[in-house]
Amino acid sequence: MKKDVSIIGVDLAKQVFQLHGATGTGEVVFRKELSRRRFEEFI
């Protein structure tokens, strides 16, 4: 079952971005750690 992401949190660091996606009720859909290059591709 696909869940809609309502909230995306981004933690900025020097080398990586940490992403956290959640539904409107706070249920976690994904957690990712991406390099700057991968972050651009993801967005």
C-alpha atoms as a PDB file:
ATOM      1  CA  MET A   1       0.000   0.000   0.000  1.00  0.00           C
ATOM      2  CA  LYS A   2       1.359   3.395  -1.007  1.00  0.00           C
ATOM      3  CA  LYS A   3       1.324   6.092   1.657  1.00  0.00           C
ATOM      4  CA  ASP A   4       1.230   9.803   0.872  1.00  0.00           C
ATOM      5  CA  VAL A   5       4.051  11.891   2.293  1.00  0.00           C
ATOM      6  CA  SER A   6       2.740  15.088   3.888  1.00  0.00           C
ATOM      7  CA  ILE A   7       5.829  16.183   5.798  1.00  0.00           C
ATOM      8  CA  ILE A   8       9.478  16.162   4.724  1.00  0.00           C
ATOM      9  CA  GLY A   9      12.155  17.093   7.240  1.00  0.00           C
ATOM     10  CA  VAL A  10      15.672  17.923   6.057  1.00  0.00           C
ATOM     11  CA  ASP A  11      18.713  17.996   8.328  1.00  0.00           C
ATOM     12  CA  LEU A  12      21.536  19.917   6.677  1.00  0.00           C
ATOM     13  CA  ALA A  13      25.102  18.818   7.330  1.00  0.00           C
ATOM     14  CA  LYS A  14      28.409  19.528   5.617  1.00  0.00           C
ATOM     15  CA  GLN A  15      28.601  16.360   3.561  1.00  0.00           C
ATOM     16  CA  VAL A  16      25.103  14.833   3.586  1.00  0.00           C
ATOM     17  CA  PHE A  17      21.420  15.631   3.881  1.00  0.00           C
ATOM     18  CA  GLN A  18      19.284  13.492   6.162  1.00  0.00           C
ATOM     19  CA  LEU A  19      15.656  13.264   5.024  1.00  0.00           C
ATOM     20  CA  HIS A  20      12.612  12.114   6.954  1.00  0.00           C
ATOM     21  CA  GLY A  21       9.228  11.704   5.265  1.00  0.00           C
ATOM     22  CA  ALA A  22       5.994  11.194   7.188  1.00  0.00           C
ATOM     23  CA  THR A  23       2.247  11.091   6.674  1.00  0.00           C
ATOM     24  CA  GLY A  24      -0.058  13.728   8.134  1.00  0.00           C
ATOM     25  CA  THR A  25      -0.535  11.521  11.201  1.00  0.00           C
ATOM     26  CA  GLY A  26       3.215  11.250  11.798  1.00  0.00           C
ATOM     27  CA  GLU A  27       3.712   7.708  10.500  1.00  0.00           C
ATOM     28  CA  VAL A  28       7.223   7.381   9.027  1.00  0.00           C
ATOM     29  CA  VAL A  29       7.263   6.680   5.280  1.00  0.00           C
ATOM     30  CA  PHE A  30      11.009   6.976   4.660  1.00  0.00           C
ATOM     31  CA  ARG A  31      14.356   7.947   6.154  1.00  0.00           C
ATOM     32  CA  LYS A  32      17.299   8.605   3.869  1.00  0.00           C
ATOM     33  CA  GLU A  33      20.823   9.942   4.068  1.00  0.00           C
ATOM     34  CA  LEU A  34      21.886  11.476   0.767  1.00  0.00           C
ATOM     35  CA  SER A  35      24.972  13.200  -0.583  1.00  0.00           C
ATOM     36  CA  ARG A  36      24.523  16.694  -1.978  1.00  0.00           C
ATOM     37  CA  ARG A  37      24.452  15.304  -5.526  1.00  0.00           C
ATOM     38  CA  ARG A  38      21.864  12.609  -4.684  1.00  0.00           C
ATOM     39  CA  PHE A  39      19.776  15.182  -2.826  1.00  0.00           C
ATOM     40  CA  GLU A  40      19.471  17.275  -6.009  1.00  0.00           C
ATOM     41  CA  GLU A  41      18.415  14.178  -7.959  1.00  0.00           C
ATOM     42  CA  PHE A  42      15.903  13.169  -5.265  1.00  0.00           C
ATOM     43  CA  ILE A  43      14.235  16.580  -5.167  1.00  0.00           C
END
